[in-house]
Structure formats: structure tokens, C-alpha cells
Full PDB file with SEQRES, HELIX, SHEET, SSBOND, CRYST1, ORIGX, SCALE, CONECT and MASTER records, all heavy atoms in Angstrom:
SEQRES   1 A   42  GLY LEU CYS ASP TYR LEU PRO ASP ASP ALA LEU ILE GLU          
SEQRES   2 A   42  TYR HIS ALA VAL GLU PRO SER ALA ALA ALA ASP VAL LEU          
SEQRES   3 A   42  GLU GLU LEU LEU ALA GLU THR GLY ARG ASN VAL HIS PRO          
SEQRES   4 A   42  THR VAL HIS                                                  
HELIX    1 AA1 LEU A    2  TYR A    5  1                                   4    
HELIX    2 AA2 ALA A   22  LEU A   30  1                                   9    
SHEET    1 AA1 2 ILE A  12  ALA A  16  0                                        
SHEET    2 AA1 2 VAL A  37  VAL A  41  1                                        
CRYST1    1.000    1.000    1.000  90.00  90.00  90.00 P 1           1          
ORIGX1      1.000000  0.000000  0.000000        0.00000                         
ORIGX2      0.000000  1.000000  0.000000        0.00000                         
ORIGX3      0.000000  0.000000  1.000000        0.00000                         
SCALE1      1.000000  0.000000  0.000000        0.00000                         
SCALE2      0.000000  1.000000  0.000000        0.00000                         
SCALE3      0.000000  0.000000  1.000000        0.00000                         
ATOM      1  N   GLY A   1     100.460  93.350 107.112  1.00  0.00           N  
ATOM      2  CA  GLY A   1     101.329  93.999 108.130  1.00  0.00           C  
ATOM      3  C   GLY A   1     100.777  95.375 108.526  1.00  0.00           C  
ATOM      4  O   GLY A   1     100.745  95.654 109.709  1.00  0.00           O  
ATOM      5  N   LEU A   2     100.271  96.129 107.556  1.00  0.00           N  
ATOM      6  CA  LEU A   2      99.648  97.376 107.850  1.00  0.00           C  
ATOM      7  C   LEU A   2      98.345  97.247 108.623  1.00  0.00           C  
ATOM      8  O   LEU A   2      98.141  97.932 109.664  1.00  0.00           O  
ATOM      9  CB  LEU A   2      99.335  98.105 106.503  1.00  0.00           C  
ATOM     10  CG  LEU A   2      98.474  99.332 106.587  1.00  0.00           C  
ATOM     11  CD1 LEU A   2      99.123 100.429 107.401  1.00  0.00           C  
ATOM     12  CD2 LEU A   2      97.969  99.776 105.202  1.00  0.00           C  
ATOM     13  N   CYS A   3      97.548  96.267 108.286  1.00  0.00           N  
ATOM     14  CA  CYS A   3      96.307  96.116 108.985  1.00  0.00           C  
ATOM     15  C   CYS A   3      96.468  95.733 110.423  1.00  0.00           C  
ATOM     16  O   CYS A   3      95.734  96.130 111.374  1.00  0.00           O  
ATOM     17  CB  CYS A   3      95.448  95.000 108.252  1.00  0.00           C  
ATOM     18  SG  CYS A   3      94.813  95.588 106.613  1.00  0.00           S  
ATOM     19  N   ASP A   4      97.554  94.829 110.717  1.00  0.00           N  
ATOM     20  CA  ASP A   4      97.777  94.506 112.060  1.00  0.00           C  
ATOM     21  C   ASP A   4      98.585  95.526 112.931  1.00  0.00           C  
ATOM     22  O   ASP A   4      98.474  95.547 114.140  1.00  0.00           O  
ATOM     23  CB  ASP A   4      98.661  93.208 112.050  1.00  0.00           C  
ATOM     24  CG  ASP A   4      97.781  91.960 111.849  1.00  0.00           C  
ATOM     25  OD1 ASP A   4      96.581  92.151 111.437  1.00  0.00           O  
ATOM     26  OD2 ASP A   4      98.262  90.881 111.878  1.00  0.00           O  
ATOM     27  N   TYR A   5      99.295  96.481 112.165  1.00  0.00           N  
ATOM     28  CA  TYR A   5      99.923  97.542 112.859  1.00  0.00           C  
ATOM     29  C   TYR A   5      98.873  98.501 113.401  1.00  0.00           C  
ATOM     30  O   TYR A   5      99.056  99.033 114.509  1.00  0.00           O  
ATOM     31  CB  TYR A   5     100.798  98.195 111.824  1.00  0.00           C  
ATOM     32  CG  TYR A   5     101.740  99.357 112.496  1.00  0.00           C  
ATOM     33  CD1 TYR A   5     102.978  98.976 112.868  1.00  0.00           C  
ATOM     34  CD2 TYR A   5     101.271 100.578 112.692  1.00  0.00           C  
ATOM     35  CE1 TYR A   5     103.850  99.975 113.367  1.00  0.00           C  
ATOM     36  CE2 TYR A   5     102.054 101.573 113.226  1.00  0.00           C  
ATOM     37  CZ  TYR A   5     103.413 101.250 113.632  1.00  0.00           C  
ATOM     38  OH  TYR A   5     104.208 102.227 114.168  1.00  0.00           O  
ATOM     39  N   LEU A   6      97.812  98.753 112.724  1.00  0.00           N  
ATOM     40  CA  LEU A   6      96.814  99.735 113.172  1.00  0.00           C  
ATOM     41  C   LEU A   6      95.919  99.086 114.200  1.00  0.00           C  
ATOM     42  O   LEU A   6      95.618  97.954 114.164  1.00  0.00           O  
ATOM     43  CB  LEU A   6      95.992 100.145 111.934  1.00  0.00           C  
ATOM     44  CG  LEU A   6      96.812 100.825 110.870  1.00  0.00           C  
ATOM     45  CD1 LEU A   6      95.885 101.034 109.549  1.00  0.00           C  
ATOM     46  CD2 LEU A   6      97.377 102.181 111.252  1.00  0.00           C  
ATOM     47  N   PRO A   7      95.382  99.978 115.151  1.00  0.00           N  
ATOM     48  CA  PRO A   7      94.491  99.448 116.214  1.00  0.00           C  
ATOM     49  C   PRO A   7      93.135  99.027 115.587  1.00  0.00           C  
ATOM     50  O   PRO A   7      92.755  99.399 114.488  1.00  0.00           O  
ATOM     51  CB  PRO A   7      94.403 100.658 117.127  1.00  0.00           C  
ATOM     52  CG  PRO A   7      94.589 101.830 116.229  1.00  0.00           C  
ATOM     53  CD  PRO A   7      95.627 101.413 115.265  1.00  0.00           C  
ATOM     54  N   ASP A   8      92.361  98.329 116.369  1.00  0.00           N  
ATOM     55  CA  ASP A   8      90.977  97.873 115.982  1.00  0.00           C  
ATOM     56  C   ASP A   8      90.064  99.050 115.637  1.00  0.00           C  
ATOM     57  O   ASP A   8      89.101  98.792 114.878  1.00  0.00           O  
ATOM     58  CB  ASP A   8      90.436  96.952 116.975  1.00  0.00           C  
ATOM     59  CG  ASP A   8      91.087  95.698 117.150  1.00  0.00           C  
ATOM     60  OD1 ASP A   8      91.872  95.233 116.310  1.00  0.00           O  
ATOM     61  OD2 ASP A   8      91.070  94.955 118.279  1.00  0.00           O  
ATOM     62  N   ASP A   9      90.336 100.100 116.214  1.00  0.00           N  
ATOM     63  CA  ASP A   9      89.382 101.307 115.958  1.00  0.00           C  
ATOM     64  C   ASP A   9      89.791 102.167 114.824  1.00  0.00           C  
ATOM     65  O   ASP A   9      89.330 103.339 114.731  1.00  0.00           O  
ATOM     66  CB  ASP A   9      89.156 102.118 117.233  1.00  0.00           C  
ATOM     67  CG  ASP A   9      90.497 102.812 117.694  1.00  0.00           C  
ATOM     68  OD1 ASP A   9      91.576 102.463 117.202  1.00  0.00           O  
ATOM     69  OD2 ASP A   9      90.367 103.635 118.671  1.00  0.00           O  
ATOM     70  N   ALA A  10      90.760 101.654 114.060  1.00  0.00           N  
ATOM     71  CA  ALA A  10      91.119 102.319 112.784  1.00  0.00           C  
ATOM     72  C   ALA A  10      90.276 101.928 111.624  1.00  0.00           C  
ATOM     73  O   ALA A  10      89.672 100.913 111.584  1.00  0.00           O  
ATOM     74  CB  ALA A  10      92.614 102.082 112.420  1.00  0.00           C  
ATOM     75  N   LEU A  11      90.162 102.864 110.640  1.00  0.00           N  
ATOM     76  CA  LEU A  11      89.276 102.729 109.427  1.00  0.00           C  
ATOM     77  C   LEU A  11      90.235 102.691 108.254  1.00  0.00           C  
ATOM     78  O   LEU A  11      90.976 103.570 108.019  1.00  0.00           O  
ATOM     79  CB  LEU A  11      88.249 103.795 109.364  1.00  0.00           C  
ATOM     80  CG  LEU A  11      87.365 103.805 108.102  1.00  0.00           C  
ATOM     81  CD1 LEU A  11      86.458 102.480 108.083  1.00  0.00           C  
ATOM     82  CD2 LEU A  11      86.501 104.971 107.989  1.00  0.00           C  
ATOM     83  N   ILE A  12      90.174 101.603 107.433  1.00  0.00           N  
ATOM     84  CA  ILE A  12      91.159 101.399 106.379  1.00  0.00           C  
ATOM     85  C   ILE A  12      90.325 101.209 105.127  1.00  0.00           C  
ATOM     86  O   ILE A  12      89.659 100.194 104.935  1.00  0.00           O  
ATOM     87  CB  ILE A  12      92.115 100.252 106.588  1.00  0.00           C  
ATOM     88  CG1 ILE A  12      92.751 100.381 107.939  1.00  0.00           C  
ATOM     89  CG2 ILE A  12      93.187 100.256 105.417  1.00  0.00           C  
ATOM     90  CD1 ILE A  12      93.545  99.078 108.316  1.00  0.00           C  
ATOM     91  N   GLU A  13      90.443 102.164 104.162  1.00  0.00           N  
ATOM     92  CA  GLU A  13      89.977 101.938 102.853  1.00  0.00           C  
ATOM     93  C   GLU A  13      91.170 101.534 101.961  1.00  0.00           C  
ATOM     94  O   GLU A  13      91.997 102.355 101.656  1.00  0.00           O  
ATOM     95  CB  GLU A  13      89.308 103.181 102.203  1.00  0.00           C  
ATOM     96  CG  GLU A  13      88.767 102.991 100.785  1.00  0.00           C  
ATOM     97  CD  GLU A  13      88.293 104.279 100.224  1.00  0.00           C  
ATOM     98  OE1 GLU A  13      88.124 105.347 101.031  1.00  0.00           O  
ATOM     99  OE2 GLU A  13      88.004 104.346  99.009  1.00  0.00           O  
ATOM    100  N   TYR A  14      91.294 100.259 101.618  1.00  0.00           N  
ATOM    101  CA  TYR A  14      92.432  99.680 101.070  1.00  0.00           C  
ATOM    102  C   TYR A  14      92.237  99.315  99.599  1.00  0.00           C  
ATOM    103  O   TYR A  14      91.278  98.463  99.269  1.00  0.00           O  
ATOM    104  CB  TYR A  14      92.872  98.455 101.892  1.00  0.00           C  
ATOM    105  CG  TYR A  14      94.002  97.685 101.280  1.00  0.00           C  
ATOM    106  CD1 TYR A  14      95.332  98.024 101.420  1.00  0.00           C  
ATOM    107  CD2 TYR A  14      93.729  96.579 100.472  1.00  0.00           C  
ATOM    108  CE1 TYR A  14      96.388  97.275 100.861  1.00  0.00           C  
ATOM    109  CE2 TYR A  14      94.747  95.730  99.892  1.00  0.00           C  
ATOM    110  CZ  TYR A  14      96.069  96.194 100.024  1.00  0.00           C  
ATOM    111  OH  TYR A  14      97.115  95.406  99.411  1.00  0.00           O  
ATOM    112  N   HIS A  15      93.073  99.774  98.679  1.00  0.00           N  
ATOM    113  CA  HIS A  15      92.964  99.440  97.247  1.00  0.00           C  
ATOM    114  C   HIS A  15      94.279  98.855  96.897  1.00  0.00           C  
ATOM    115  O   HIS A  15      95.463  99.522  97.017  1.00  0.00           O  
ATOM    116  CB  HIS A  15      92.776 100.746  96.483  1.00  0.00           C  
ATOM    117  CG  HIS A  15      91.395 101.342  96.735  1.00  0.00           C  
ATOM    118  ND1 HIS A  15      90.350 101.065  95.909  1.00  0.00           N  
ATOM    119  CD2 HIS A  15      90.972 102.279  97.681  1.00  0.00           C  
ATOM    120  CE1 HIS A  15      89.249 101.708  96.284  1.00  0.00           C  
ATOM    121  NE2 HIS A  15      89.655 102.452  97.339  1.00  0.00           N  
ATOM    122  N   ALA A  16      94.258  97.603  96.421  1.00  0.00           N  
ATOM    123  CA  ALA A  16      95.428  96.871  95.883  1.00  0.00           C  
ATOM    124  C   ALA A  16      95.384  96.880  94.406  1.00  0.00           C  
ATOM    125  O   ALA A  16      94.324  96.727  93.740  1.00  0.00           O  
ATOM    126  CB  ALA A  16      95.340  95.453  96.502  1.00  0.00           C  
ATOM    127  N   VAL A  17      96.576  97.066  93.833  1.00  0.00           N  
ATOM    128  CA  VAL A  17      96.823  96.988  92.401  1.00  0.00           C  
ATOM    129  C   VAL A  17      97.688  95.738  92.192  1.00  0.00           C  
ATOM    130  O   VAL A  17      98.840  95.693  92.590  1.00  0.00           O  
ATOM    131  CB  VAL A  17      97.396  98.259  91.860  1.00  0.00           C  
ATOM    132  CG1 VAL A  17      97.703  97.983  90.254  1.00  0.00           C  
ATOM    133  CG2 VAL A  17      96.508  99.397  92.019  1.00  0.00           C  
ATOM    134  N   GLU A  18      97.064  94.646  91.608  1.00  0.00           N  
ATOM    135  CA  GLU A  18      97.890  93.418  91.362  1.00  0.00           C  
ATOM    136  C   GLU A  18      97.235  92.722  90.285  1.00  0.00           C  
ATOM    137  O   GLU A  18      96.132  92.195  90.303  1.00  0.00           O  
ATOM    138  CB  GLU A  18      97.790  92.600  92.627  1.00  0.00           C  
ATOM    139  CG  GLU A  18      98.597  91.258  92.579  1.00  0.00           C  
ATOM    140  CD  GLU A  18      99.965  91.472  92.005  1.00  0.00           C  
ATOM    141  OE1 GLU A  18     100.812  92.133  92.695  1.00  0.00           O  
ATOM    142  OE2 GLU A  18     100.334  90.870  90.845  1.00  0.00           O  
ATOM    143  N   PRO A  19      97.901  92.571  89.132  1.00  0.00           N  
ATOM    144  CA  PRO A  19      97.384  91.853  87.886  1.00  0.00           C  
ATOM    145  C   PRO A  19      97.601  90.400  87.878  1.00  0.00           C  
ATOM    146  O   PRO A  19      96.878  89.619  87.076  1.00  0.00           O  
ATOM    147  CB  PRO A  19      98.073  92.592  86.777  1.00  0.00           C  
ATOM    148  CG  PRO A  19      99.501  92.893  87.331  1.00  0.00           C  
ATOM    149  CD  PRO A  19      99.288  93.240  88.825  1.00  0.00           C  
ATOM    150  N   SER A  20      98.455  89.898  88.678  1.00  0.00           N  
ATOM    151  CA  SER A  20      98.827  88.489  88.537  1.00  0.00           C  
ATOM    152  C   SER A  20      98.060  87.493  89.251  1.00  0.00           C  
ATOM    153  O   SER A  20      97.089  87.904  90.161  1.00  0.00           O  
ATOM    154  CB  SER A  20     100.359  88.336  88.869  1.00  0.00           C  
ATOM    155  OG  SER A  20     100.511  88.357  90.336  1.00  0.00           O  
ATOM    156  N   ALA A  21      98.388  86.283  89.334  1.00  0.00           N  
ATOM    157  CA  ALA A  21      97.680  85.215  90.090  1.00  0.00           C  
ATOM    158  C   ALA A  21      97.918  85.461  91.600  1.00  0.00           C  
ATOM    159  O   ALA A  21      97.182  84.865  92.394  1.00  0.00           O  
ATOM    160  CB  ALA A  21      98.290  83.884  89.793  1.00  0.00           C  
ATOM    161  N   ALA A  22      98.878  86.266  92.007  1.00  0.00           N  
ATOM    162  CA  ALA A  22      99.062  86.614  93.422  1.00  0.00           C  
ATOM    163  C   ALA A  22      97.857  87.195  94.023  1.00  0.00           C  
ATOM    164  O   ALA A  22      97.632  87.132  95.246  1.00  0.00           O  
ATOM    165  CB  ALA A  22     100.315  87.512  93.612  1.00  0.00           C  
ATOM    166  N   ALA A  23      97.047  87.873  93.238  1.00  0.00           N  
ATOM    167  CA  ALA A  23      95.800  88.493  93.622  1.00  0.00           C  
ATOM    168  C   ALA A  23      94.859  87.489  94.285  1.00  0.00           C  
ATOM    169  O   ALA A  23      94.095  87.830  95.208  1.00  0.00           O  
ATOM    170  CB  ALA A  23      95.160  89.305  92.566  1.00  0.00           C  
ATOM    171  N   ASP A  24      94.851  86.358  93.847  1.00  0.00           N  
ATOM    172  CA  ASP A  24      93.976  85.246  94.320  1.00  0.00           C  
ATOM    173  C   ASP A  24      94.398  84.967  95.842  1.00  0.00           C  
ATOM    174  O   ASP A  24      93.495  84.789  96.770  1.00  0.00           O  
ATOM    175  CB  ASP A  24      93.993  84.018  93.544  1.00  0.00           C  
ATOM    176  CG  ASP A  24      93.504  84.195  92.118  1.00  0.00           C  
ATOM    177  OD1 ASP A  24      92.599  85.098  91.903  1.00  0.00           O  
ATOM    178  OD2 ASP A  24      93.993  83.534  91.237  1.00  0.00           O  
ATOM    179  N   VAL A  25      95.695  84.818  96.062  1.00  0.00           N  
ATOM    180  CA  VAL A  25      96.112  84.628  97.427  1.00  0.00           C  
ATOM    181  C   VAL A  25      95.813  85.858  98.278  1.00  0.00           C  
ATOM    182  O   VAL A  25      95.346  85.735  99.427  1.00  0.00           O  
ATOM    183  CB  VAL A  25      97.674  84.400  97.401  1.00  0.00           C  
ATOM    184  CG1 VAL A  25      98.100  84.118  98.819  1.00  0.00           C  
ATOM    185  CG2 VAL A  25      97.906  83.096  96.527  1.00  0.00           C  
ATOM    186  N   LEU A  26      96.051  87.108  97.738  1.00  0.00           N  
ATOM    187  CA  LEU A  26      95.785  88.301  98.449  1.00  0.00           C  
ATOM    188  C   LEU A  26      94.368  88.376  98.861  1.00  0.00           C  
ATOM    189  O   LEU A  26      94.128  88.682 100.094  1.00  0.00           O  
ATOM    190  CB  LEU A  26      96.147  89.481  97.535  1.00  0.00           C  
ATOM    191  CG  LEU A  26      95.769  90.880  98.009  1.00  0.00           C  
ATOM    192  CD1 LEU A  26      96.630  91.163  99.269  1.00  0.00           C  
ATOM    193  CD2 LEU A  26      95.987  91.952  96.966  1.00  0.00           C  
ATOM    194  N   GLU A  27      93.403  88.084  98.012  1.00  0.00           N  
ATOM    195  CA  GLU A  27      91.991  88.210  98.364  1.00  0.00           C  
ATOM    196  C   GLU A  27      91.643  87.203  99.511  1.00  0.00           C  
ATOM    197  O   GLU A  27      90.927  87.460 100.371  1.00  0.00           O  
ATOM    198  CB  GLU A  27      91.101  88.035  97.136  1.00  0.00           C  
ATOM    199  CG  GLU A  27      91.169  89.178  96.176  1.00  0.00           C  
ATOM    200  CD  GLU A  27      90.106  88.977  95.080  1.00  0.00           C  
ATOM    201  OE1 GLU A  27      89.877  87.876  94.732  1.00  0.00           O  
ATOM    202  OE2 GLU A  27      89.717  90.045  94.568  1.00  0.00           O  
ATOM    203  N   GLU A  28      92.240  85.953  99.421  1.00  0.00           N  
ATOM    204  CA  GLU A  28      91.986  84.937 100.482  1.00  0.00           C  
ATOM    205  C   GLU A  28      92.537  85.470 101.828  1.00  0.00           C  
ATOM    206  O   GLU A  28      91.784  85.349 102.866  1.00  0.00           O  
ATOM    207  CB  GLU A  28      92.717  83.600 100.148  1.00  0.00           C  
ATOM    208  CG  GLU A  28      92.077  82.941  98.985  1.00  0.00           C  
ATOM    209  CD  GLU A  28      90.915  82.201  99.419  1.00  0.00           C  
ATOM    210  OE1 GLU A  28      90.689  81.910 100.615  1.00  0.00           O  
ATOM    211  OE2 GLU A  28      90.017  81.897  98.528  1.00  0.00           O  
ATOM    212  N   LEU A  29      93.624  86.100 101.797  1.00  0.00           N  
ATOM    213  CA  LEU A  29      94.228  86.474 103.189  1.00  0.00           C  
ATOM    214  C   LEU A  29      93.595  87.771 103.715  1.00  0.00           C  
ATOM    215  O   LEU A  29      93.406  87.902 104.889  1.00  0.00           O  
ATOM    216  CB  LEU A  29      95.782  86.729 102.952  1.00  0.00           C  
ATOM    217  CG  LEU A  29      96.557  85.486 102.681  1.00  0.00           C  
ATOM    218  CD1 LEU A  29      97.932  85.782 102.362  1.00  0.00           C  
ATOM    219  CD2 LEU A  29      96.491  84.493 103.923  1.00  0.00           C  
ATOM    220  N   LEU A  30      93.138  88.616 102.805  1.00  0.00           N  
ATOM    221  CA  LEU A  30      92.427  89.834 103.248  1.00  0.00           C  
ATOM    222  C   LEU A  30      91.169  89.436 103.970  1.00  0.00           C  
ATOM    223  O   LEU A  30      90.687  90.368 104.778  1.00  0.00           O  
ATOM    224  CB  LEU A  30      92.106  90.812 102.065  1.00  0.00           C  
ATOM    225  CG  LEU A  30      93.417  91.528 101.491  1.00  0.00           C  
ATOM    226  CD1 LEU A  30      92.952  92.283 100.249  1.00  0.00           C  
ATOM    227  CD2 LEU A  30      93.938  92.511 102.558  1.00  0.00           C  
ATOM    228  N   ALA A  31      90.568  88.422 103.717  1.00  0.00           N  
ATOM    229  CA  ALA A  31      89.348  87.953 104.301  1.00  0.00           C  
ATOM    230  C   ALA A  31      89.540  87.786 105.778  1.00  0.00           C  
ATOM    231  O   ALA A  31      88.510  87.652 106.558  1.00  0.00           O  
ATOM    232  CB  ALA A  31      88.789  86.693 103.618  1.00  0.00           C  
ATOM    233  N   GLU A  32      90.784  87.616 106.226  1.00  0.00           N  
ATOM    234  CA  GLU A  32      91.109  87.387 107.676  1.00  0.00           C  
ATOM    235  C   GLU A  32      91.303  88.704 108.384  1.00  0.00           C  
ATOM    236  O   GLU A  32      91.533  88.727 109.653  1.00  0.00           O  
ATOM    237  CB  GLU A  32      92.291  86.509 107.834  1.00  0.00           C  
ATOM    238  CG  GLU A  32      92.097  85.103 107.389  1.00  0.00           C  
ATOM    239  CD  GLU A  32      91.124  84.380 108.282  1.00  0.00           C  
ATOM    240  OE1 GLU A  32      91.215  84.567 109.490  1.00  0.00           O  
ATOM    241  OE2 GLU A  32      90.284  83.564 107.763  1.00  0.00           O  
ATOM    242  N   THR A  33      91.276  89.818 107.640  1.00  0.00           N  
ATOM    243  CA  THR A  33      91.473  91.116 108.415  1.00  0.00           C  
ATOM    244  C   THR A  33      90.169  91.524 109.053  1.00  0.00           C  
ATOM    245  O   THR A  33      89.130  90.983 108.957  1.00  0.00           O  
ATOM    246  CB  THR A  33      91.958  92.250 107.384  1.00  0.00           C  
ATOM    247  OG1 THR A  33      90.985  92.353 106.358  1.00  0.00           O  
ATOM    248  CG2 THR A  33      93.320  91.745 106.838  1.00  0.00           C  
ATOM    249  N   GLY A  34      90.272  92.588 109.901  1.00  0.00           N  
ATOM    250  CA  GLY A  34      89.189  93.077 110.669  1.00  0.00           C  
ATOM    251  C   GLY A  34      88.048  93.674 109.975  1.00  0.00           C  
ATOM    252  O   GLY A  34      88.154  93.907 108.728  1.00  0.00           O  
ATOM    253  N   ARG A  35      86.858  93.896 110.678  1.00  0.00           N  
ATOM    254  CA  ARG A  35      85.687  94.336 110.081  1.00  0.00           C  
ATOM    255  C   ARG A  35      85.781  95.808 109.551  1.00  0.00           C  
ATOM    256  O   ARG A  35      85.031  96.214 108.770  1.00  0.00           O  
ATOM    257  CB  ARG A  35      84.485  94.214 111.090  1.00  0.00           C  
ATOM    258  CG  ARG A  35      84.695  95.189 112.268  1.00  0.00           C  
ATOM    259  CD  ARG A  35      83.412  95.258 113.087  1.00  0.00           C  
ATOM    260  NE  ARG A  35      83.022  93.989 113.655  1.00  0.00           N  
ATOM    261  CZ  ARG A  35      83.430  93.507 114.905  1.00  0.00           C  
ATOM    262  NH1 ARG A  35      84.316  94.311 115.584  1.00  0.00           N  
ATOM    263  NH2 ARG A  35      83.133  92.404 115.371  1.00  0.00           N  
ATOM    264  N   ASN A  36      86.777  96.576 109.999  1.00  0.00           N  
ATOM    265  CA  ASN A  36      86.989  97.925 109.611  1.00  0.00           C  
ATOM    266  C   ASN A  36      87.979  98.124 108.489  1.00  0.00           C  
ATOM    267  O   ASN A  36      88.463  99.169 108.312  1.00  0.00           O  
ATOM    268  CB  ASN A  36      87.222  98.787 110.830  1.00  0.00           C  
ATOM    269  CG  ASN A  36      86.034  98.831 111.765  1.00  0.00           C  
ATOM    270  OD1 ASN A  36      84.915  99.061 111.350  1.00  0.00           O  
ATOM    271  ND2 ASN A  36      86.285  98.575 113.064  1.00  0.00           N  
ATOM    272  N   VAL A  37      88.371  97.052 107.957  1.00  0.00           N  
ATOM    273  CA  VAL A  37      89.248  97.023 106.739  1.00  0.00           C  
ATOM    274  C   VAL A  37      88.361  96.824 105.520  1.00  0.00           C  
ATOM    275  O   VAL A  37      87.664  95.803 105.435  1.00  0.00           O  
ATOM    276  CB  VAL A  37      90.328  95.960 106.837  1.00  0.00           C  
ATOM    277  CG1 VAL A  37      91.234  96.010 105.475  1.00  0.00           C  
ATOM    278  CG2 VAL A  37      91.267  96.188 108.028  1.00  0.00           C  
ATOM    279  N   HIS A  38      88.355  97.698 104.565  1.00  0.00           N  
ATOM    280  CA  HIS A  38      87.489  97.705 103.481  1.00  0.00           C  
ATOM    281  C   HIS A  38      88.354  97.645 102.185  1.00  0.00           C  
ATOM    282  O   HIS A  38      88.770  98.546 101.634  1.00  0.00           O  
ATOM    283  CB  HIS A  38      86.601  98.969 103.405  1.00  0.00           C  
ATOM    284  CG  HIS A  38      85.721  99.084 104.510  1.00  0.00           C  
ATOM    285  ND1 HIS A  38      84.552  98.424 104.783  1.00  0.00           N  
ATOM    286  CD2 HIS A  38      85.890  99.771 105.795  1.00  0.00           C  
ATOM    287  CE1 HIS A  38      84.053  98.690 105.962  1.00  0.00           C  
ATOM    288  NE2 HIS A  38      84.810  99.521 106.646  1.00  0.00           N  
ATOM    289  N   PRO A  39      88.594  96.315 101.722  1.00  0.00           N  
ATOM    290  CA  PRO A  39      89.556  96.163 100.632  1.00  0.00           C  
ATOM    291  C   PRO A  39      88.872  96.053  99.235  1.00  0.00           C  
ATOM    292  O   PRO A  39      87.730  95.591  99.093  1.00  0.00           O  
ATOM    293  CB  PRO A  39      90.189  94.796 101.017  1.00  0.00           C  
ATOM    294  CG  PRO A  39      89.065  94.050 101.579  1.00  0.00           C  
ATOM    295  CD  PRO A  39      88.223  95.079 102.372  1.00  0.00           C  
ATOM    296  N   THR A  40      89.593  96.599  98.250  1.00  0.00           N  
ATOM    297  CA  THR A  40      89.281  96.445  96.881  1.00  0.00           C  
ATOM    298  C   THR A  40      90.517  96.067  96.066  1.00  0.00           C  
ATOM    299  O   THR A  40      91.520  96.629  96.292  1.00  0.00           O  
ATOM    300  CB  THR A  40      88.693  97.686  96.275  1.00  0.00           C  
ATOM    301  OG1 THR A  40      87.518  98.096  96.993  1.00  0.00           O  
ATOM    302  CG2 THR A  40      88.269  97.519  94.793  1.00  0.00           C  
ATOM    303  N   VAL A  41      90.454  94.987  95.266  1.00  0.00           N  
ATOM    304  CA  VAL A  41      91.589  94.521  94.446  1.00  0.00           C  
ATOM    305  C   VAL A  41      91.353  94.931  93.085  1.00  0.00           C  
ATOM    306  O   VAL A  41      90.449  94.457  92.453  1.00  0.00           O  
ATOM    307  CB  VAL A  41      91.784  93.012  94.708  1.00  0.00           C  
ATOM    308  CG1 VAL A  41      93.026  92.554  93.859  1.00  0.00           C  
ATOM    309  CG2 VAL A  41      92.100  92.632  96.163  1.00  0.00           C  
ATOM    310  N   HIS A  42      92.235  95.698  92.490  1.00  0.00           N  
ATOM    311  CA  HIS A  42      92.163  96.141  91.079  1.00  0.00           C  
ATOM    312  C   HIS A  42      93.158  95.285  90.348  1.00  0.00           C  
ATOM    313  O   HIS A  42      94.418  95.392  90.456  1.00  0.00           O  
ATOM    314  CB  HIS A  42      92.560  97.648  90.989  1.00  0.00           C  
ATOM    315  CG  HIS A  42      91.682  98.536  91.795  1.00  0.00           C  
ATOM    316  ND1 HIS A  42      90.611  99.151  91.347  1.00  0.00           N  
ATOM    317  CD2 HIS A  42      91.923  98.937  93.107  1.00  0.00           C  
ATOM    318  CE1 HIS A  42      90.090  99.890  92.299  1.00  0.00           C  
ATOM    319  NE2 HIS A  42      90.877  99.850  93.405  1.00  0.00           N  
TER     320      HIS A  42                                                      
MASTER        0    0    0    2    2    0    0    6  319    1    0    4          
END                                                                             
């Protein structure tokens, strides 16, 4: 929701904290975000 709220010319350094199996789903879905979203899952 955050990534889609921001315009395409925004720069997002995104850090997720998620210890559970939900992180596998999260990483799959983050792959669909824009080129200027830079995610790291902890």
C-alpha cells in the first residue's frame, strides 16, 4: 500500500522485520514493486 501510494519518482529504502513464514510471501510480492523500491527483509 505504501509503495503504491507514493509516485513513481519516489525513492524508498524499505526494511521489513518479519521472522515468520509470512516473510516468504512478502518477498514474492515485493518483487512486483517498482524499480525505485529497495527492499531488505530482516
